[in-house]
Amino acid sequence: MKHFSAKLLMATAFFCGVAFASAQADTIKVSVAAEPYPPFASKDASGQWVGFEVDLAKAVCKAAKLDCEIVATAWDGIIPALIAKKIDVIWASMTITPERSAQIGFTIRYYNTPPEFIGNKADKFDFTPEGMKGKSIGVQTSTIHAQYVQKTYPDADIKSYGTQDAANADLAAGRLDLVMADAAALDDFLAGKDGQCCEMKQFPKDPVFEAGVGGGLRKEDTDLKAKLDAGIKAVYADGEFDTIQKKYFKYDVGTPPK
């Protein structure tokens, strides 16, 4: 009897361990960028990640019946972390581009807002390559905005920052002429006390901005992509996307998925 009980206990422990490992494997690590990017993702006073993309990720995971965990990864290492399987999804305002699509896959886009330049209210700018020569422009490193200004204004003094907050702070202090980033993020800065110095100067137009933002995935994770795509479509269809965006924006950032 003891011999049988021992075997039974061992078998039970084994299957419990398998079940636990399986449950662990089914948890999807959805990563925002570790650098604060309000109102999309930042930490609150208790250290919890909050913001538009955090709320949206939770809603999409719920609709897709996925067990998701919100984690954070340094922006400049977020694609390598995905490829190395340290995370499963990039959910960090990542614009879908041909260069990124060569490395990773993407969900359908889940939002799209235009980029914008902001600068001191007293300053005026000529947004031609010649007119921007020598102008100091702040951008967050490894972003589509950095790529755009480097391509469009090669003679400008382009300064890269690890966080958008750092670029905004230098603009407010008079150490930059302009900052370029996502309009929704910069509008949040302009609405605050530190942003009273400045205003929107231009909405740049370029085909690279038209693809919108999607969730980054490993190319082989086709089943996960299908589930997330269905989840994105569901939160649009049932009005949840609209409810979430109204908490953070005064205008529509939605792009009805196809």
Protein backbone atom coordinates (compact mmCIF):
# COMPACT_ATOMS: atom_id res chain seq x y z
CA MET A 1 0.00 0.00 0.00
CA LYS A 2 2.80 2.41 0.87
CA HIS A 3 4.62 1.47 -2.31
CA PHE A 4 1.48 2.18 -4.37
CA SER A 5 0.87 5.47 -2.54
CA ALA A 6 4.41 6.62 -3.19
CA LYS A 7 4.05 5.91 -6.89
CA LEU A 8 0.70 7.68 -6.92
CA LEU A 9 2.18 10.71 -5.20
CA MET A 10 5.08 10.79 -7.63
CA ALA A 11 2.74 10.55 -10.61
CA THR A 12 0.51 13.28 -9.19
CA ALA A 13 3.49 15.54 -8.61
CA PHE A 14 4.71 14.91 -12.14
CA PHE A 15 1.41 15.77 -13.77
CA CYS A 16 0.95 18.82 -11.55
CA GLY A 17 4.41 19.95 -12.62
CA VAL A 18 3.52 19.48 -16.28
CA ALA A 19 0.27 21.38 -15.80
CA PHE A 20 2.11 24.20 -14.03
CA ALA A 21 4.74 24.39 -16.76
CA SER A 22 2.00 24.42 -19.38
CA ALA A 23 0.18 27.23 -17.58
CA GLN A 24 3.40 29.18 -17.38
CA ALA A 25 4.06 28.65 -21.09
CA ASP A 26 0.58 29.94 -21.93
CA THR A 27 1.24 33.31 -20.28
CA ILE A 28 1.92 35.85 -23.02
CA LYS A 29 4.47 38.49 -22.14
CA VAL A 30 3.26 41.74 -23.68
CA SER A 31 5.97 44.38 -23.49
CA VAL A 32 5.68 48.13 -23.37
CA ALA A 33 8.83 50.23 -23.57
CA ALA A 34 10.60 50.72 -20.24
CA GLU A 35 10.95 54.44 -20.95
CA PRO A 36 7.80 56.40 -19.97
CA TYR A 37 5.70 57.50 -22.93
CA PRO A 38 2.54 59.08 -21.53
CA PRO A 39 -0.34 58.84 -22.19
CA PHE A 40 0.46 55.52 -23.89
CA ALA A 41 2.41 53.78 -21.13
CA SER A 42 4.02 54.98 -17.91
CA LYS A 43 4.18 53.96 -14.26
CA ASP A 44 1.78 55.37 -11.69
CA ALA A 45 2.67 56.27 -8.11
CA SER A 46 2.36 52.62 -7.04
CA GLY A 47 4.72 51.42 -9.77
CA GLN A 48 2.02 49.89 -11.96
CA TRP A 49 2.04 50.36 -15.72
CA VAL A 50 -0.91 52.45 -16.86
CA GLY A 51 -1.96 54.27 -20.02
CA PHE A 52 -3.79 53.89 -23.30
CA GLU A 53 -1.71 51.01 -24.65
CA VAL A 54 -1.77 49.18 -21.32
CA ASP A 55 -5.57 49.36 -21.15
CA LEU A 56 -5.86 48.38 -24.80
CA ALA A 57 -3.50 45.41 -24.43
CA LYS A 58 -5.56 44.09 -21.51
CA ALA A 59 -8.79 44.50 -23.47
CA VAL A 60 -7.38 42.78 -26.56
CA CYS A 61 -5.99 39.89 -24.51
CA LYS A 62 -9.34 39.46 -22.76
CA ALA A 63 -11.21 39.44 -26.08
CA ALA A 64 -8.67 36.96 -27.50
CA LYS A 65 -8.90 34.78 -24.37
CA LEU A 66 -5.18 35.09 -23.76
CA ASP A 67 -3.49 35.13 -20.37
CA CYS A 68 -1.23 38.19 -20.72
CA GLU A 69 1.35 39.75 -18.46
CA ILE A 70 2.40 43.37 -18.98
CA VAL A 71 6.19 43.70 -18.83
CA ALA A 72 8.65 46.42 -19.83
CA THR A 73 11.76 46.29 -22.02
CA ALA A 74 14.24 49.03 -22.93
CA TRP A 75 13.15 50.46 -26.26
CA ASP A 76 16.50 50.09 -28.03
CA GLY A 77 16.60 46.38 -27.15
CA ILE A 78 12.94 45.49 -27.57
CA ILE A 79 13.20 43.78 -30.97
CA PRO A 80 16.23 41.68 -29.91
CA ALA A 81 14.30 40.70 -26.76
CA LEU A 82 11.37 39.54 -28.89
CA ILE A 83 13.58 37.52 -31.23
CA ALA A 84 15.36 35.96 -28.22
CA LYS A 85 11.94 34.93 -26.79
CA LYS A 86 12.33 37.02 -23.65
CA ILE A 87 8.99 38.61 -24.52
CA ASP A 88 6.17 37.50 -26.82
CA VAL A 89 4.60 40.74 -28.07
CA ILE A 90 5.85 44.30 -28.52
CA TRP A 91 3.01 46.67 -27.63
CA ALA A 92 4.85 49.97 -27.56
CA SER A 93 3.65 52.41 -30.23
CA MET A 94 5.82 50.65 -32.80
CA THR A 95 5.08 51.91 -36.32
CA ILE A 96 4.91 49.16 -38.94
CA THR A 97 7.76 49.73 -41.40
CA PRO A 98 9.36 47.64 -44.16
CA GLU A 99 12.65 47.57 -42.23
CA ARG A 100 11.03 46.23 -39.07
CA SER A 101 8.82 43.85 -41.05
CA ALA A 102 11.98 42.25 -42.46
CA GLN A 103 12.89 41.19 -38.90
CA ILE A 104 9.56 40.57 -37.18
CA GLY A 105 5.86 40.14 -37.87
CA PHE A 106 3.06 42.49 -36.89
CA THR A 107 -0.57 42.31 -35.92
CA ILE A 108 -3.03 44.41 -37.83
CA ARG A 109 -2.64 48.04 -36.79
CA TYR A 110 -4.41 49.04 -33.60
CA TYR A 111 -4.04 52.81 -33.71
CA ASN A 112 -2.61 55.59 -35.82
CA THR A 113 -1.98 59.24 -35.03
CA PRO A 114 0.06 61.73 -37.04
CA PRO A 115 3.54 62.85 -36.02
CA GLU A 116 4.11 66.50 -35.25
CA PHE A 117 6.82 69.08 -34.65
CA ILE A 118 6.49 71.34 -31.64
CA GLY A 119 8.58 74.41 -30.80
CA ASN A 120 8.63 77.65 -28.85
CA LYS A 121 5.54 79.79 -29.47
CA ALA A 122 7.69 82.78 -30.48
CA ASP A 123 9.65 80.89 -33.15
CA LYS A 124 8.74 80.36 -36.80
CA PHE A 125 10.24 77.73 -39.08
CA ASP A 126 10.78 77.02 -42.75
CA PHE A 127 10.34 73.25 -43.00
CA THR A 128 12.49 72.84 -46.10
CA PRO A 129 15.86 71.08 -45.96
CA GLU A 130 17.54 74.47 -46.47
CA GLY A 131 15.37 76.20 -43.88
CA MET A 132 16.11 73.59 -41.24
CA LYS A 133 19.88 73.73 -41.70
CA GLY A 134 21.50 74.12 -38.28
CA LYS A 135 18.20 73.86 -36.38
CA SER A 136 18.34 71.58 -33.36
CA ILE A 137 15.70 68.84 -33.44
CA GLY A 138 15.11 66.43 -30.58
CA VAL A 139 13.84 62.90 -31.23
CA GLN A 140 13.67 59.67 -29.26
CA THR A 141 16.32 57.22 -30.37
CA SER A 142 15.48 54.28 -32.66
CA THR A 143 12.07 55.68 -33.64
CA ILE A 144 10.40 56.35 -36.94
CA HIS A 145 10.59 60.05 -36.07
CA ALA A 146 14.37 59.88 -35.75
CA GLN A 147 14.55 58.09 -39.08
CA TYR A 148 12.37 60.73 -40.73
CA VAL A 149 14.35 63.79 -39.58
CA GLN A 150 17.67 62.16 -40.43
CA LYS A 151 16.44 61.46 -43.95
CA THR A 152 14.59 64.75 -44.52
CA TYR A 153 16.89 67.23 -42.76
CA PRO A 154 20.47 65.93 -43.09
CA ASP A 155 21.94 69.37 -42.28
CA ALA A 156 19.93 69.87 -39.09
CA ASP A 157 21.47 69.35 -35.65
CA ILE A 158 19.62 66.17 -34.71
CA LYS A 159 19.81 65.17 -31.05
CA SER A 160 18.68 61.69 -29.95
CA TYR A 161 17.27 61.00 -26.49
CA GLY A 162 16.65 57.82 -24.57
CA THR A 163 13.20 59.04 -23.51
CA GLN A 164 10.67 61.44 -24.98
CA ASP A 165 10.43 63.21 -21.60
CA ALA A 166 14.13 64.13 -21.82
CA ALA A 167 13.69 65.66 -25.28
CA ASN A 168 10.64 67.60 -24.12
CA ALA A 169 12.53 68.90 -21.08
CA ASP A 170 15.35 70.22 -23.29
CA LEU A 171 12.83 71.96 -25.54
CA ALA A 172 11.16 73.61 -22.54
CA ALA A 173 14.60 74.71 -21.27
CA GLY A 174 15.47 76.32 -24.60
CA ARG A 175 18.16 73.81 -25.54
CA LEU A 176 16.28 72.66 -28.66
CA ASP A 177 14.49 74.44 -31.45
CA LEU A 178 12.05 71.62 -32.16
CA VAL A 179 10.92 68.22 -31.00
CA MET A 180 9.26 65.62 -33.20
CA ALA A 181 7.18 62.71 -31.94
CA ASP A 182 3.71 61.21 -32.04
CA ALA A 183 1.09 63.96 -31.90
CA ALA A 184 -0.88 62.30 -29.12
CA ALA A 185 2.20 62.10 -26.88
CA LEU A 186 3.26 65.69 -27.60
CA ASP A 187 -0.25 67.05 -27.12
CA ASP A 188 -0.19 65.54 -23.64
CA PHE A 189 3.06 67.44 -22.96
CA LEU A 190 1.67 70.71 -24.39
CA ALA A 191 -1.37 70.44 -22.13
CA GLY A 192 0.81 70.33 -19.02
CA LYS A 193 2.62 73.08 -17.13
CA ASP A 194 6.01 72.38 -18.70
CA GLY A 195 4.56 72.54 -22.20
CA GLN A 196 3.13 76.05 -21.94
CA CYS A 197 6.26 77.37 -23.69
CA CYS A 198 5.46 75.64 -26.90
CA GLU A 199 2.95 74.82 -29.62
CA MET A 200 2.42 72.59 -32.62
CA LYS A 201 4.43 73.84 -35.62
CA GLN A 202 3.80 71.25 -38.35
CA PHE A 203 2.24 67.87 -39.11
CA PRO A 204 4.81 66.31 -41.47
CA LYS A 205 3.54 64.13 -44.29
CA ASP A 206 5.34 60.99 -45.41
CA PRO A 207 4.13 57.53 -46.54
CA VAL A 208 6.10 55.92 -43.71
CA PHE A 209 3.59 57.28 -41.19
CA GLU A 210 0.53 55.83 -42.92
CA ALA A 211 0.97 52.18 -41.94
CA GLY A 212 0.10 52.85 -38.30
CA VAL A 213 1.07 51.05 -35.11
CA GLY A 214 0.88 47.29 -34.64
CA GLY A 215 1.90 44.67 -32.13
CA GLY A 216 5.31 43.16 -32.90
CA LEU A 217 5.55 39.36 -33.05
CA ARG A 218 7.98 36.68 -34.07
CA LYS A 219 7.22 35.72 -37.67
CA GLU A 220 6.64 32.09 -36.76
CA ASP A 221 3.98 32.91 -34.13
CA THR A 222 1.13 32.81 -36.63
CA ASP A 223 -1.43 31.39 -34.19
CA LEU A 224 -0.74 34.19 -31.71
CA LYS A 225 -1.04 36.76 -34.48
CA ALA A 226 -4.43 35.35 -35.50
CA LYS A 227 -5.68 35.53 -31.91
CA LEU A 228 -4.44 39.08 -31.36
CA ASP A 229 -5.83 40.24 -34.71
CA ALA A 230 -9.20 38.81 -33.72
CA GLY A 231 -8.93 40.51 -30.33
CA ILE A 232 -8.16 43.89 -31.92
CA LYS A 233 -11.15 43.53 -34.25
CA ALA A 234 -13.36 42.57 -31.31
CA VAL A 235 -12.51 45.62 -29.18
CA TYR A 236 -13.28 47.85 -32.14
CA ALA A 237 -16.52 46.05 -32.93
CA ASP A 238 -17.94 46.12 -29.40
CA GLY A 239 -17.03 49.78 -28.74
CA GLU A 240 -14.35 49.01 -26.14
CA PHE A 241 -11.66 50.76 -28.20
CA ASP A 242 -13.69 53.96 -28.27
CA THR A 243 -14.29 53.78 -24.51
CA ILE A 244 -10.56 53.38 -23.84
CA GLN A 245 -9.36 56.12 -26.20
CA LYS A 246 -11.79 58.65 -24.72
CA LYS A 247 -10.01 58.28 -21.37
CA TYR A 248 -6.80 59.61 -22.91
CA PHE A 249 -7.47 61.61 -26.08
CA LYS A 250 -9.72 64.41 -27.24
CA TYR A 251 -9.76 63.06 -30.79
CA ASP A 252 -10.03 59.74 -32.58
CA VAL A 253 -6.83 57.68 -32.81
CA GLY A 254 -8.64 54.62 -34.11
CA THR A 255 -8.10 53.03 -37.49
CA PRO A 256 -10.85 50.47 -38.12
CA PRO A 257 -9.03 47.16 -38.76
CA LYS A 258 -9.37 45.36 -42.08
